[in-house]
């Protein structure tokens, strides 16, 4: 059978999974590719570091030139994280005549325009299915399978770490810090989980999906985002009593004022598919004008799910499907201006508001008076018993009808100065 030589740069968790699929299941990949994908070289920084896989003699190297200077290597899975040296290495690979497969969503979100333009200049291809939602084939489905549609909305859980944390907080009724520690023990969260819990990771992935679905070249930093660090275990229980679960949603949706983009903890109705996504799983709900609603669900991270997406891209590249798609779509180009999403204040929606208020007559009237002045209509109000630590203060939960985030934030700015309000407040979006 014909043989096509490939290489891997970076033998971390995902790189090890890719090597295992190529070496242990070569007959499977050959059947789909119509040729053997021959792992010629694996480039690492430290040759002496213990590895979780045994490679054939002569495959492991610490010299990138062993790949760039070898014209027989046609495609390279670049599987290192961060921005540098990932960006410089990708440019070197492209300039040496290699097609590149990447799982690095941060690199694409930050430097996609530069890298994709350079690849097109050189007649090369960048494939990136593994950069969003791990093993879920969402990039291919949006860019190819749903190409007959005008996508009207994407609602997605794109960060498995945050979803795991929220699941543990709800099911075990533990606080945020405990859930984060458990996620770290289970290997779902890094030692520094900031990018997962503050919404950065989800925003970077959303920028990629927005580009594929809407042609919008968006700087991920311009996407309004709130993380899950302000969500308390009580909010998860109150939401459940109202018939909802809280999920960190990444949303891209066409509205009258343009393309609405945001990442935010959101109340999602129990019984709907997104609400039932548990643990470290990801999910993407897409609505197209022809197909209607379609739903994708699976492991969004981890060694083998992500390796699955990388190897699928390798196959598409070497058989010639990915290069055709890459040239046709002309994704990410610096020739096109970046889109500035509407400001958060313009975003419509329903909201969950929680206040800690004095347990005395007249408090409700004070709060509703402020909300009324900002044209915020109330759907429901629930007052919960106070704690033994502070019996004079009770939590008050208000669910609004459709309004704007600007109106809510203006009302909250006034409410925080009311003498009846003790401490801060919580504001979360509600998916209608």
Protein backbone atom coordinates (compact mmCIF):
# COMPACT_ATOMS: atom_id res chain seq x y z
CA UNK A 1 0.00 0.00 0.00
CA UNK A 2 1.14 3.55 -0.74
CA UNK A 3 2.85 5.25 2.21
CA UNK A 4 2.63 8.93 3.22
CA UNK A 5 5.08 10.13 5.85
CA UNK A 6 3.79 12.36 8.65
CA UNK A 7 5.27 13.88 11.80
CA UNK A 8 4.25 15.13 15.22
CA UNK A 9 5.65 18.18 17.01
CA UNK A 10 4.98 17.87 20.74
CA UNK A 11 4.50 14.58 22.58
CA UNK A 12 2.31 15.71 25.45
CA UNK A 13 -1.05 14.22 26.30
CA UNK A 14 -2.62 14.72 22.87
CA UNK A 15 0.56 14.02 20.92
CA UNK A 16 0.90 10.69 22.71
CA UNK A 17 -2.68 9.83 21.77
CA UNK A 18 -2.05 10.68 18.13
CA UNK A 19 1.12 8.58 18.06
CA UNK A 20 -0.77 5.67 19.61
CA UNK A 21 -3.52 5.82 16.97
CA UNK A 22 -1.00 5.97 14.14
CA UNK A 23 1.21 3.17 15.47
CA UNK A 24 -1.33 0.80 17.01
CA UNK A 25 -4.20 1.26 14.59
CA UNK A 26 -2.44 1.83 11.30
CA UNK A 27 -4.74 -0.58 9.49
CA UNK A 28 -7.73 1.52 10.53
CA UNK A 29 -6.26 4.81 9.34
CA UNK A 30 -5.01 3.17 6.14
CA UNK A 31 -8.51 1.93 5.35
CA UNK A 32 -9.90 5.46 5.56
CA UNK A 33 -6.92 7.17 3.92
CA UNK A 34 -6.29 4.65 1.18
CA UNK A 35 -2.63 4.68 2.21
CA UNK A 36 -0.47 4.10 5.26
CA UNK A 37 0.13 7.14 7.46
CA UNK A 38 3.76 6.48 8.37
CA UNK A 39 4.95 8.22 11.54
CA UNK A 40 8.40 9.32 10.46
CA UNK A 41 9.41 11.77 13.20
CA UNK A 42 8.24 13.05 16.58
CA UNK A 43 9.86 16.29 17.73
CA UNK A 44 10.20 16.93 21.47
CA UNK A 45 12.10 19.40 23.60
CA UNK A 46 13.64 16.86 25.99
CA UNK A 47 14.78 13.52 24.60
CA UNK A 48 15.32 12.06 28.07
CA UNK A 49 11.90 12.76 29.53
CA UNK A 50 9.96 9.56 30.37
CA UNK A 51 7.22 8.87 27.80
CA UNK A 52 3.92 7.04 28.07
CA UNK A 53 4.51 5.41 24.68
CA UNK A 54 7.36 3.48 23.10
CA UNK A 55 8.29 4.81 19.67
CA UNK A 56 10.20 2.95 16.96
CA UNK A 57 13.96 3.48 16.90
CA UNK A 58 14.97 6.75 15.26
CA UNK A 59 11.54 8.40 15.36
CA UNK A 60 12.11 10.65 18.40
CA UNK A 61 14.16 13.80 17.84
CA UNK A 62 14.74 17.20 19.40
CA UNK A 63 15.54 18.85 16.07
CA UNK A 64 12.72 20.50 14.15
CA UNK A 65 15.01 20.47 11.11
CA UNK A 66 14.60 16.69 10.97
CA UNK A 67 11.05 17.48 9.85
CA UNK A 68 11.41 20.75 7.94
CA UNK A 69 14.38 19.49 5.90
CA UNK A 70 12.73 16.18 4.98
CA UNK A 71 10.70 16.62 1.75
CA UNK A 72 9.10 13.20 2.19
CA UNK A 73 7.16 14.37 5.28
CA UNK A 74 3.95 15.83 3.90
CA UNK A 75 1.85 16.68 6.95
CA UNK A 76 2.67 17.59 10.56
CA UNK A 77 0.48 17.53 13.66
CA UNK A 78 1.74 20.49 15.68
CA UNK A 79 0.52 19.78 19.20
CA UNK A 80 2.16 22.33 21.46
CA UNK A 81 0.13 24.91 23.35
CA UNK A 82 0.49 28.64 23.92
CA UNK A 83 1.37 31.35 21.43
CA UNK A 84 5.15 31.12 21.22
CA UNK A 85 7.04 29.18 20.04
CA UNK A 86 3.85 27.63 18.55
CA UNK A 87 3.38 30.50 16.08
CA UNK A 88 7.01 30.52 14.92
CA UNK A 89 7.10 26.73 14.57
CA UNK A 90 3.92 26.70 12.50
CA UNK A 91 5.35 29.33 10.15
CA UNK A 92 8.55 27.30 9.76
CA UNK A 93 6.57 24.17 8.99
CA UNK A 94 4.42 25.93 6.41
CA UNK A 95 7.45 27.57 4.78
CA UNK A 96 9.17 24.19 4.52
CA UNK A 97 6.26 22.85 2.47
CA UNK A 98 4.30 21.02 5.16
CA UNK A 99 0.56 21.01 5.74
CA UNK A 100 -0.19 21.53 9.43
CA UNK A 101 -2.80 20.10 11.77
CA UNK A 102 -3.30 21.94 15.07
CA UNK A 103 -5.38 21.66 18.23
CA UNK A 104 -4.23 25.06 19.53
CA UNK A 105 -7.36 27.23 19.73
CA UNK A 106 -5.51 30.10 21.48
CA UNK A 107 -3.06 30.32 18.58
CA UNK A 108 -5.85 30.44 15.99
CA UNK A 109 -7.88 32.96 17.98
CA UNK A 110 -4.84 35.24 18.31
CA UNK A 111 -2.89 34.74 15.06
CA UNK A 112 -5.32 32.99 12.73
CA UNK A 113 -5.30 35.78 10.16
CA UNK A 114 -1.52 35.86 9.82
CA UNK A 115 -1.11 32.08 9.75
CA UNK A 116 -3.93 31.33 7.33
CA UNK A 117 -2.88 34.08 4.91
CA UNK A 118 0.68 32.76 4.96
CA UNK A 119 -0.51 29.20 4.37
CA UNK A 120 -2.52 30.33 1.33
CA UNK A 121 0.44 32.27 -0.06
CA UNK A 122 2.51 29.10 0.16
CA UNK A 123 -0.19 26.79 -1.20
CA UNK A 124 -0.35 24.93 2.11
CA UNK A 125 -3.21 23.85 4.40
CA UNK A 126 -4.02 24.31 8.09
CA UNK A 127 -6.55 21.88 9.57
CA UNK A 128 -7.94 22.54 13.04
CA UNK A 129 -10.90 20.31 13.94
CA UNK A 130 -9.36 19.47 17.32
CA UNK A 131 -9.12 23.14 18.34
CA UNK A 132 -12.79 23.33 19.36
CA UNK A 133 -14.73 20.78 21.44
CA UNK A 134 -12.13 18.01 21.29
CA UNK A 135 -13.64 14.88 19.80
CA UNK A 136 -16.88 16.55 18.64
CA UNK A 137 -16.59 17.15 14.84
CA UNK A 138 -18.12 20.62 15.03
CA UNK A 139 -15.69 22.43 12.72
CA UNK A 140 -16.40 20.08 9.82
CA UNK A 141 -20.13 20.08 10.44
CA UNK A 142 -20.44 23.87 10.48
CA UNK A 143 -18.04 24.61 7.64
CA UNK A 144 -19.08 21.76 5.33
CA UNK A 145 -22.11 19.66 6.32
CA UNK A 146 -24.27 22.69 7.18
CA UNK A 147 -22.99 24.92 4.39
CA UNK A 148 -26.43 25.06 2.70
CA UNK A 149 -27.75 26.88 5.78
CA UNK A 150 -27.69 30.36 7.16
CA UNK A 151 -26.72 29.58 10.72
CA UNK A 152 -28.87 31.72 13.01
CA UNK A 153 -27.57 30.71 16.42
CA UNK A 154 -25.01 28.67 18.33
CA UNK A 155 -25.44 27.88 22.02
CA UNK A 156 -22.56 25.79 23.34
CA UNK A 157 -20.83 24.37 26.37
CA UNK A 158 -17.23 24.62 25.19
CA UNK A 159 -15.23 24.16 28.38
CA UNK A 160 -15.35 20.78 30.08
CA UNK A 161 -13.52 21.98 33.18
CA UNK A 162 -16.11 24.61 34.04
CA UNK A 163 -18.95 22.18 33.29
CA UNK A 164 -17.37 19.60 35.59
CA UNK A 165 -17.05 22.18 38.38
CA UNK A 166 -20.69 23.28 38.07
CA UNK A 167 -21.83 19.64 38.00
CA UNK A 168 -19.94 18.84 41.18
CA UNK A 169 -21.27 21.97 42.92
CA UNK A 170 -24.84 20.99 42.04
CA UNK A 171 -24.66 17.26 42.72
CA UNK A 172 -22.44 17.36 45.83
CA UNK A 173 -23.65 20.76 47.09
CA UNK A 174 -20.04 21.80 47.61
CA UNK A 175 -18.62 25.28 47.21
CA UNK A 176 -16.63 26.57 44.26
CA UNK A 177 -13.17 26.07 45.79
CA UNK A 178 -13.92 22.44 46.67
CA UNK A 179 -15.19 21.72 43.16
CA UNK A 180 -12.09 23.29 41.58
CA UNK A 181 -9.82 21.19 43.80
CA UNK A 182 -11.71 18.04 42.79
CA UNK A 183 -11.40 18.98 39.09
CA UNK A 184 -7.65 19.33 39.58
CA UNK A 185 -7.42 15.94 41.34
CA UNK A 186 -9.30 14.33 38.45
CA UNK A 187 -7.01 15.96 35.86
CA UNK A 188 -9.74 18.16 34.34
CA UNK A 189 -8.28 21.43 35.62
CA UNK A 190 -4.73 22.77 35.40
CA UNK A 191 -2.79 23.93 38.45
CA UNK A 192 -3.83 27.42 37.32
CA UNK A 193 -7.41 26.99 36.02
CA UNK A 194 -7.99 30.71 35.36
CA UNK A 195 -8.56 30.48 31.60
CA UNK A 196 -11.18 27.78 32.11
CA UNK A 197 -13.14 29.36 34.92
CA UNK A 198 -13.05 33.01 33.75
CA UNK A 199 -14.48 32.24 30.29
CA UNK A 200 -11.30 32.90 28.29
CA UNK A 201 -11.03 29.38 26.87
CA UNK A 202 -14.69 29.37 25.83
CA UNK A 203 -14.39 32.84 24.26
CA UNK A 204 -11.41 31.76 22.14
CA UNK A 205 -13.34 28.74 20.87
CA UNK A 206 -16.45 30.84 20.27
CA UNK A 207 -14.41 33.24 18.11
CA UNK A 208 -13.48 30.28 15.90
CA UNK A 209 -17.06 29.01 15.62
CA UNK A 210 -18.38 32.52 14.91
CA UNK A 211 -15.92 32.83 12.06
CA UNK A 212 -16.95 29.50 10.58
CA UNK A 213 -20.70 30.02 11.00
CA UNK A 214 -21.07 33.73 10.28
CA UNK A 215 -17.88 34.77 8.49
CA UNK A 216 -17.16 37.12 11.38
CA UNK A 217 -13.51 37.79 12.10
CA UNK A 218 -13.68 38.58 15.81
CA UNK A 219 -11.00 39.31 18.34
CA UNK A 220 -11.83 36.95 21.19
CA UNK A 221 -10.98 39.69 23.68
CA UNK A 222 -13.92 41.72 22.33
CA UNK A 223 -16.39 38.97 23.22
CA UNK A 224 -18.15 39.92 26.49
CA UNK A 225 -17.51 37.20 29.01
CA UNK A 226 -18.26 36.31 32.58
CA UNK A 227 -16.80 33.27 34.27
CA UNK A 228 -18.20 30.86 36.82
CA UNK A 229 -16.17 32.12 39.77
CA UNK A 230 -19.09 34.22 41.06
CA UNK A 231 -21.58 31.31 40.97
CA UNK A 232 -22.34 29.95 44.43
CA UNK A 233 -23.76 26.57 45.41
CA UNK A 234 -26.92 28.34 46.61
CA UNK A 235 -27.51 29.71 43.09
CA UNK A 236 -27.38 26.21 41.64
CA UNK A 237 -29.98 25.05 44.16
CA UNK A 238 -32.24 28.07 43.64
CA UNK A 239 -31.99 27.59 39.87
CA UNK A 240 -32.96 23.95 40.25
CA UNK A 241 -36.02 24.92 42.30
CA UNK A 242 -37.02 27.19 39.42
CA UNK A 243 -36.57 24.34 36.92
CA UNK A 244 -33.12 25.31 35.60
CA UNK A 245 -29.46 24.33 35.71
CA UNK A 246 -26.58 26.77 35.44
CA UNK A 247 -24.15 26.23 32.55
CA UNK A 248 -21.31 28.33 31.19
CA UNK A 249 -22.74 29.04 27.73
CA UNK A 250 -20.90 30.43 24.72
CA UNK A 251 -23.46 32.10 22.46
CA UNK A 252 -23.35 33.44 18.91
CA UNK A 253 -26.73 34.57 17.63
CA UNK A 254 -28.06 36.81 14.89
CA UNK A 255 -30.28 39.54 16.38
CA UNK A 256 -31.69 42.79 14.98
CA UNK A 257 -28.62 44.80 16.01
CA UNK A 258 -26.13 42.34 14.51
CA UNK A 259 -24.24 39.30 15.70
CA UNK A 260 -24.58 38.86 19.44
CA UNK A 261 -21.63 37.13 21.07
CA UNK A 262 -21.02 36.39 24.73
CA UNK A 263 -19.82 33.83 27.27
CA UNK A 264 -21.74 33.77 30.53
CA UNK A 265 -23.10 31.49 33.26
CA UNK A 266 -26.69 30.94 32.14
CA UNK A 267 -29.80 29.29 33.53
CA UNK A 268 -30.86 26.53 31.11
CA UNK A 269 -34.23 24.76 31.39
CA UNK A 270 -33.96 21.28 32.91
CA UNK A 271 -34.91 18.64 30.37
CA UNK A 272 -33.42 20.49 27.39
CA UNK A 273 -30.30 18.90 25.87
CA UNK A 274 -27.81 21.53 27.05
CA UNK A 275 -29.06 21.32 30.64
CA UNK A 276 -28.39 17.59 30.72
CA UNK A 277 -24.71 17.88 29.75
CA UNK A 278 -22.87 16.66 32.84
CA UNK A 279 -19.28 16.40 33.99
CA UNK A 280 -16.45 17.23 31.61
CA UNK A 281 -18.56 16.90 28.46
CA UNK A 282 -19.06 19.57 25.79
CA UNK A 283 -22.11 20.22 23.63
CA UNK A 284 -23.03 22.49 20.74
CA UNK A 285 -26.58 23.37 19.69
CA UNK A 286 -26.76 24.88 16.20
CA UNK A 287 -29.81 26.31 14.43
CA UNK A 288 -29.81 26.63 10.65
CA UNK A 289 -32.60 28.07 8.52
CA UNK A 290 -32.90 24.89 6.44
CA UNK A 291 -31.97 22.09 8.82
CA UNK A 292 -33.49 23.50 12.00
CA UNK A 293 -31.83 22.63 15.31
CA UNK A 294 -29.01 20.06 15.45
CA UNK A 295 -27.15 19.00 18.57
CA UNK A 296 -23.62 17.69 19.06
CA UNK A 297 -22.45 16.15 22.34
CA UNK A 298 -19.26 14.44 23.46
CA UNK A 299 -16.00 14.69 25.33
CA UNK A 300 -14.53 18.10 24.64
CA UNK A 301 -11.04 17.33 25.86
CA UNK A 302 -8.82 14.47 26.91
CA UNK A 303 -6.16 12.46 25.18
CA UNK A 304 -8.03 10.13 22.87
CA UNK A 305 -11.06 12.29 21.94
CA UNK A 306 -8.75 15.12 20.86
CA UNK A 307 -6.33 12.69 19.18
CA UNK A 308 -9.29 11.30 17.26
CA UNK A 309 -9.95 14.73 15.75
CA UNK A 310 -6.26 15.29 14.96
CA UNK A 311 -5.90 11.98 13.12
CA UNK A 312 -9.12 12.62 11.19
CA UNK A 313 -7.58 15.91 10.03
CA UNK A 314 -4.36 14.11 9.07
CA UNK A 315 -6.38 11.73 6.91
CA UNK A 316 -8.31 14.58 5.27
CA UNK A 317 -5.08 16.43 4.54
CA UNK A 318 -3.17 13.55 2.96
CA UNK A 319 -6.07 12.38 0.78
CA UNK A 320 -6.65 15.93 -0.47
CA UNK A 321 -10.05 16.80 1.01
CA UNK A 322 -8.80 19.37 3.51
CA UNK A 323 -6.70 21.34 0.96
CA UNK A 324 -9.74 21.78 -1.30
CA UNK A 325 -11.87 23.00 1.59
CA UNK A 326 -9.09 25.26 2.88
CA UNK A 327 -8.65 26.99 -0.48
CA UNK A 328 -12.38 27.33 -1.08
CA UNK A 329 -13.44 28.75 2.28
CA UNK A 330 -10.61 31.32 2.58
CA UNK A 331 -10.94 31.34 6.35
CA UNK A 332 -9.26 34.01 8.48
CA UNK A 333 -7.71 36.67 6.35
CA UNK A 334 -6.14 39.90 7.48
CA UNK A 335 -7.62 41.43 4.35
CA UNK A 336 -10.98 41.54 6.12
CA UNK A 337 -11.78 43.91 8.98
CA UNK A 338 -12.53 42.53 12.41
CA UNK A 339 -16.12 42.63 13.59
CA UNK A 340 -16.89 44.48 16.81
CA UNK A 341 -19.76 42.70 18.60
CA UNK A 342 -22.61 44.82 20.00
CA UNK A 343 -21.87 46.14 23.49
CA UNK A 344 -23.23 44.05 26.38
CA UNK A 345 -25.64 46.85 27.28
CA UNK A 346 -27.50 46.29 24.00
CA UNK A 347 -27.91 42.56 24.50
CA UNK A 348 -31.50 41.43 25.09
CA UNK A 349 -32.34 38.60 27.44
CA UNK A 350 -33.98 37.37 30.60
CA UNK A 351 -32.07 37.50 33.87
CA UNK A 352 -31.80 35.79 37.27
CA UNK A 353 -31.07 38.29 40.05
CA UNK A 354 -30.19 37.36 43.62
CA UNK A 355 -29.92 39.83 46.48
CA UNK A 356 -29.28 39.47 50.19
CA UNK A 357 -31.78 41.83 51.80
CA UNK A 358 -33.03 42.79 55.24
CA UNK A 359 -35.95 40.68 56.42
CA UNK A 360 -38.46 43.49 57.04
CA UNK A 361 -41.61 44.96 55.42
CA UNK A 362 -41.18 47.30 52.46
CA UNK A 363 -38.00 45.78 51.06
CA UNK A 364 -39.77 44.23 48.08
CA UNK A 365 -41.34 47.56 47.18
CA UNK A 366 -37.96 49.32 47.25
CA UNK A 367 -36.40 46.78 44.88
CA UNK A 368 -39.32 46.53 42.47
CA UNK A 369 -39.61 50.30 42.34
CA UNK A 370 -36.05 50.58 41.01
CA UNK A 371 -36.59 47.76 38.52
CA UNK A 372 -39.81 49.38 37.34
CA UNK A 373 -38.09 52.70 36.70
CA UNK A 374 -35.76 50.83 34.32
CA UNK A 375 -38.67 49.14 32.53
CA UNK A 376 -37.71 45.72 33.89
CA UNK A 377 -40.74 43.45 34.17
CA UNK A 378 -40.68 40.75 36.84
CA UNK A 379 -41.62 37.16 35.98
CA UNK A 380 -41.32 35.69 39.47
CA UNK A 381 -39.97 36.38 42.96
CA UNK A 382 -38.84 33.81 45.50
CA UNK A 383 -37.72 34.62 49.03
CA UNK A 384 -35.70 31.95 50.81
CA UNK A 385 -35.12 31.48 54.54
CA UNK A 386 -32.09 33.23 55.96
CA UNK A 387 -29.13 31.50 57.55
CA UNK A 388 -28.63 30.98 61.27
CA UNK A 389 -25.47 33.10 61.05
CA UNK A 390 -27.44 36.20 60.04
CA UNK A 391 -31.16 35.67 60.69
CA UNK A 392 -32.04 39.27 59.83
CA UNK A 393 -30.90 38.86 56.20
CA UNK A 394 -32.61 36.67 53.58
CA UNK A 395 -31.80 35.79 49.95
CA UNK A 396 -34.27 37.15 47.41
CA UNK A 397 -34.36 35.74 43.86
CA UNK A 398 -36.01 37.66 41.01
CA UNK A 399 -36.54 36.29 37.49
CA UNK A 400 -37.14 38.98 34.87
CA UNK A 401 -39.02 38.98 31.62
CA UNK A 402 -37.18 40.00 28.43
CA UNK A 403 -35.18 43.17 28.91
CA UNK A 404 -31.68 44.44 28.08
CA UNK A 405 -28.45 43.88 29.97
CA UNK A 406 -27.93 47.63 30.03
CA UNK A 407 -31.21 48.16 31.86
CA UNK A 408 -30.35 45.44 34.38
CA UNK A 409 -26.88 46.81 35.08
CA UNK A 410 -28.22 50.35 35.51
CA UNK A 411 -30.87 49.10 37.94
CA UNK A 412 -28.30 47.10 39.91
CA UNK A 413 -26.08 50.17 40.21
CA UNK A 414 -28.94 51.95 42.02
CA UNK A 415 -30.06 48.91 44.02
CA UNK A 416 -26.64 48.39 45.58
CA UNK A 417 -27.01 51.78 47.32
CA UNK A 418 -30.31 50.82 48.98
CA UNK A 419 -29.92 50.43 52.75
CA UNK A 420 -31.99 47.23 52.69
CA UNK A 421 -29.44 45.43 50.47
CA UNK A 422 -26.63 43.69 52.34
CA UNK A 423 -23.50 42.72 50.38
CA UNK A 424 -23.25 42.07 46.66
CA UNK A 425 -25.68 40.63 44.17
CA UNK A 426 -25.64 37.90 41.56
CA UNK A 427 -26.84 38.41 37.99
CA UNK A 428 -27.05 35.50 35.53
CA UNK A 429 -28.57 35.17 32.10
CA UNK A 430 -31.58 32.92 31.49
CA UNK A 431 -31.91 31.01 28.25
CA UNK A 432 -35.50 31.42 27.09
